[in-house]
Amino acid sequence: MVDWRQFETILLDMDGTLLDLAFDNYFWRELVPHCHARLRKISYEQASADLFQRYAKVQGSLDWYCLDYWTAELGLDLSALKVASSHRIKFLPGAHEFLVTLAGWNKRIILVTNAHGNALNIKNEVAGLDRYVDEFVSSHELGFAKEHAEFWPLLNERLGFNPESTLFIDDSVPVLDAATAYGLRGIMAVAGPDTQLPDNDTGSHASVQRVIQLL
């Protein structure tokens, strides 16, 4: 499905591409609502409804992904909560084997994520991603989330890659749309980002359920 000879640079998403998005969905949809309910002395249902309204207001922006923003917004130490629940962080099936194989080839491998720096560090501590990846870039460093058109020229200014020889793999259709509009030659969607949920519709983008299928 992928002619790896065409690509010199591989841009990899983290959550939902390499790591199981089940952790993030548990964290934001279950753990944070429970903690919010205890802090505010309201029911779990009330806390969930309140949080989901707040999430919707900033979805797609950097604030949506920012632990500092949500820590200030909710009065919860979310970095500490991430650490306390980090035993739930897992590779998607086959993703570790994919990274091991890819790291053995003569490719430049960059992890490009919307995750906040603290979340990225916690996940790297658990998964050891830095053993396989040449560089990490968080969208928070560039000031725009990956689904925004402004992100991509800034990323290229930072990394200096050739769009014609770059492959980008991600599970988010809006992010893949933005990368396609920028002109990346290689675009691949991951349809199964969460092992606890059905696969996603990836629209017009070529897709695999798991990255291991690309080898």
Protein backbone atom coordinates (compact mmCIF):
# COMPACT_ATOMS: atom_id res chain seq x y z
CA MET A 1 0.00 0.00 0.00
CA VAL A 2 2.96 2.34 0.65
CA ASP A 3 6.02 2.50 -1.59
CA TRP A 4 8.48 3.42 1.14
CA ARG A 5 11.19 4.19 -1.43
CA GLN A 6 9.31 7.39 -2.33
CA PHE A 7 9.54 8.87 1.15
CA GLU A 8 12.48 10.36 3.02
CA THR A 9 10.56 11.93 5.91
CA ILE A 10 7.84 10.18 7.92
CA LEU A 11 5.56 12.37 10.05
CA LEU A 12 3.71 10.33 12.66
CA ASP A 13 0.82 11.31 14.88
CA MET A 14 0.91 9.90 18.41
CA ASP A 15 -2.55 9.41 19.99
CA GLY A 16 -4.76 7.19 17.86
CA THR A 17 -1.95 6.37 15.44
CA LEU A 18 0.76 4.86 17.63
CA LEU A 19 -0.89 4.92 21.06
CA ASP A 20 -4.36 3.63 21.85
CA LEU A 21 -6.81 6.53 22.04
CA ALA A 22 -8.72 4.50 24.63
CA PHE A 23 -6.50 6.11 27.28
CA ASP A 24 -7.39 9.66 26.26
CA ASN A 25 -11.08 8.85 25.93
CA TYR A 26 -11.05 7.30 29.40
CA PHE A 27 -9.16 10.27 30.81
CA TRP A 28 -11.38 13.04 29.41
CA ARG A 29 -14.73 11.24 29.35
CA GLU A 30 -14.56 9.28 32.62
CA LEU A 31 -11.74 10.24 34.98
CA VAL A 32 -11.90 14.02 34.62
CA PRO A 33 -15.73 14.09 34.99
CA HIS A 34 -15.47 12.00 38.19
CA CYS A 35 -12.83 14.35 39.62
CA HIS A 36 -14.81 17.41 38.52
CA ALA A 37 -17.92 16.01 40.22
CA ARG A 38 -16.08 15.43 43.49
CA LEU A 39 -14.50 18.88 43.45
CA ARG A 40 -17.75 20.71 42.66
CA LYS A 41 -19.90 18.39 44.80
CA ILE A 42 -22.24 17.64 41.92
CA SER A 43 -23.35 14.39 40.30
CA TYR A 44 -21.24 12.60 37.71
CA GLU A 45 -23.98 13.24 35.14
CA GLN A 46 -23.98 16.97 35.89
CA ALA A 47 -20.19 17.09 35.75
CA SER A 48 -20.13 15.26 32.41
CA ALA A 49 -22.72 17.58 30.89
CA ASP A 50 -20.81 20.65 32.09
CA LEU A 51 -17.49 19.36 30.80
CA PHE A 52 -18.79 18.30 27.42
CA GLN A 53 -20.22 21.79 26.90
CA ARG A 54 -16.84 23.28 27.79
CA TYR A 55 -15.01 20.83 25.54
CA ALA A 56 -17.25 21.70 22.59
CA LYS A 57 -16.51 25.42 22.88
CA VAL A 58 -12.78 24.98 22.28
CA GLN A 59 -12.62 21.76 20.23
CA GLY A 60 -10.08 22.03 17.43
CA SER A 61 -8.18 24.87 19.08
CA LEU A 62 -4.93 24.58 21.02
CA ASP A 63 -6.86 25.11 24.26
CA TRP A 64 -8.75 21.88 23.58
CA TYR A 65 -5.45 20.00 23.81
CA CYS A 66 -3.81 22.12 26.53
CA LEU A 67 -3.36 20.68 30.02
CA ASP A 68 -2.49 24.14 31.38
CA TYR A 69 -5.76 25.55 30.03
CA TRP A 70 -7.88 22.78 31.56
CA THR A 71 -5.99 22.84 34.85
CA ALA A 72 -6.81 26.55 35.19
CA GLU A 73 -10.36 26.09 33.88
CA LEU A 74 -11.27 23.20 36.18
CA GLY A 75 -9.01 23.66 39.19
CA LEU A 76 -7.65 20.13 38.77
CA ASP A 77 -4.00 19.12 38.45
CA LEU A 78 -4.38 17.31 35.16
CA SER A 79 -0.69 16.55 34.73
CA ALA A 80 -0.75 14.74 38.08
CA LEU A 81 -3.91 12.88 37.00
CA LYS A 82 -2.18 11.84 33.77
CA VAL A 83 0.77 10.47 35.72
CA ALA A 84 -1.52 8.63 38.17
CA SER A 85 -3.38 6.95 35.31
CA SER A 86 -0.37 6.44 33.02
CA HIS A 87 -0.47 2.66 33.51
CA ARG A 88 -3.35 2.75 31.02
CA ILE A 89 -1.16 4.16 28.22
CA LYS A 90 -0.67 1.42 25.62
CA PHE A 91 0.55 1.02 22.07
CA LEU A 92 -2.09 0.21 19.51
CA PRO A 93 -1.75 -3.41 18.30
CA GLY A 94 1.29 -3.69 16.05
CA ALA A 95 2.39 -0.07 16.52
CA HIS A 96 5.50 -0.92 18.51
CA GLU A 97 6.59 -3.46 15.91
CA PHE A 98 5.94 -0.85 13.21
CA LEU A 99 8.21 1.66 14.97
CA VAL A 100 10.97 -0.90 15.51
CA THR A 101 10.94 -1.78 11.81
CA LEU A 102 10.70 1.82 10.61
CA ALA A 103 13.57 2.91 12.85
CA GLY A 104 15.78 0.35 11.11
CA TRP A 105 15.30 2.01 7.74
CA ASN A 106 17.08 5.11 6.48
CA LYS A 107 14.19 7.49 7.13
CA ARG A 108 13.78 10.70 9.08
CA ILE A 109 11.03 9.97 11.62
CA ILE A 110 9.26 12.90 13.28
CA LEU A 111 6.43 12.60 15.79
CA VAL A 112 4.00 15.49 15.23
CA THR A 113 1.27 15.78 17.84
CA ASN A 114 -1.38 18.11 19.20
CA ALA A 115 -0.63 16.78 22.67
CA HIS A 116 0.49 19.30 25.27
CA GLY A 117 4.17 19.06 26.18
CA ASN A 118 3.47 17.58 29.62
CA ALA A 119 1.23 14.89 28.12
CA LEU A 120 3.85 14.13 25.47
CA ASN A 121 6.55 13.73 28.12
CA ILE A 122 4.38 11.42 30.23
CA LYS A 123 3.55 9.22 27.25
CA ASN A 124 7.15 9.13 26.10
CA GLU A 125 8.20 8.02 29.60
CA VAL A 126 5.77 5.10 29.41
CA ALA A 127 6.15 4.11 25.75
CA GLY A 128 9.79 5.01 25.09
CA LEU A 129 8.95 6.69 21.81
CA ASP A 130 12.27 8.55 21.74
CA ARG A 131 14.02 5.25 21.01
CA TYR A 132 12.47 5.24 17.54
CA VAL A 133 11.76 8.88 16.68
CA ASP A 134 14.32 11.47 15.61
CA GLU A 135 12.39 14.50 16.84
CA PHE A 136 9.17 15.48 18.60
CA VAL A 137 7.04 18.48 17.63
CA SER A 138 4.03 19.58 19.68
CA SER A 139 1.64 21.95 17.94
CA HIS A 140 1.74 24.07 21.11
CA GLU A 141 5.28 25.06 20.13
CA LEU A 142 4.02 26.48 16.82
CA GLY A 143 0.88 28.22 18.04
CA PHE A 144 -1.65 26.38 15.87
CA ALA A 145 -3.26 22.94 16.06
CA LYS A 146 -2.53 20.53 13.21
CA GLU A 147 -6.03 20.93 11.74
CA HIS A 148 -5.30 24.60 10.98
CA ALA A 149 -3.74 25.64 7.67
CA GLU A 150 -1.28 27.93 9.47
CA PHE A 151 0.34 24.96 11.20
CA TRP A 152 1.86 23.31 8.14
CA PRO A 153 4.13 26.05 6.75
CA LEU A 154 5.35 26.68 10.30
CA LEU A 155 6.12 22.99 10.70
CA ASN A 156 8.05 22.95 7.43
CA GLU A 157 9.94 26.07 8.48
CA ARG A 158 10.89 24.22 11.66
CA LEU A 159 11.78 20.87 10.08
CA GLY A 160 12.70 21.65 6.47
CA PHE A 161 11.03 18.68 4.77
CA ASN A 162 10.15 18.20 1.10
CA PRO A 163 6.35 17.72 0.77
CA GLU A 164 6.94 15.55 -2.31
CA SER A 165 8.94 12.99 -0.32
CA THR A 166 7.04 13.14 2.98
CA LEU A 167 4.50 10.64 4.32
CA PHE A 168 2.09 11.74 7.05
CA ILE A 169 0.07 9.24 9.11
CA ASP A 170 -2.75 10.41 11.41
CA ASP A 171 -6.20 9.32 12.61
CA SER A 172 -7.93 12.72 12.40
CA VAL A 173 -9.73 13.56 9.15
CA PRO A 174 -9.60 17.36 9.71
CA VAL A 175 -5.85 17.10 10.32
CA LEU A 176 -5.35 14.96 7.22
CA ASP A 177 -7.45 17.42 5.20
CA ALA A 178 -5.17 20.28 6.30
CA ALA A 179 -2.04 18.30 5.44
CA THR A 180 -3.48 17.42 2.03
CA ALA A 181 -4.33 21.06 1.34
CA TYR A 182 -0.75 22.00 2.21
CA GLY A 183 0.50 19.62 -0.47
CA LEU A 184 1.96 16.62 1.32
CA ARG A 185 2.33 13.84 -1.22
CA GLY A 186 1.85 10.93 1.16
CA ILE A 187 -1.27 10.88 3.33
CA MET A 188 -2.48 7.84 5.25
CA ALA A 189 -5.34 7.60 7.74
CA VAL A 190 -5.60 5.22 10.69
CA ALA A 191 -9.20 4.06 10.91
CA GLY A 192 -8.98 2.28 14.28
CA PRO A 193 -7.55 4.77 16.80
CA ASP A 194 -9.38 3.35 19.85
CA THR A 195 -9.42 -0.40 20.51
CA GLN A 196 -12.63 0.01 22.53
CA LEU A 197 -14.62 1.69 19.74
CA PRO A 198 -15.61 0.86 16.14
CA ASP A 199 -13.38 2.04 13.31
CA ASN A 200 -13.84 5.56 11.96
CA ASP A 201 -14.87 6.71 8.50
CA THR A 202 -11.76 8.32 7.01
CA GLY A 203 -13.58 9.95 4.11
CA SER A 204 -11.57 10.24 0.90
CA HIS A 205 -8.26 9.38 2.56
CA ALA A 206 -6.55 6.04 2.02
CA SER A 207 -6.58 4.16 5.30
CA VAL A 208 -5.51 1.16 7.31
CA GLN A 209 -6.92 -0.01 10.61
CA ARG A 210 -3.44 -0.22 12.18
CA VAL A 211 -0.05 1.14 11.10
CA ILE A 212 1.45 -2.37 11.15
CA GLN A 213 -0.54 -3.02 7.96
CA LEU A 214 1.64 -0.49 6.14
CA LEU A 215 4.72 -2.72 6.31
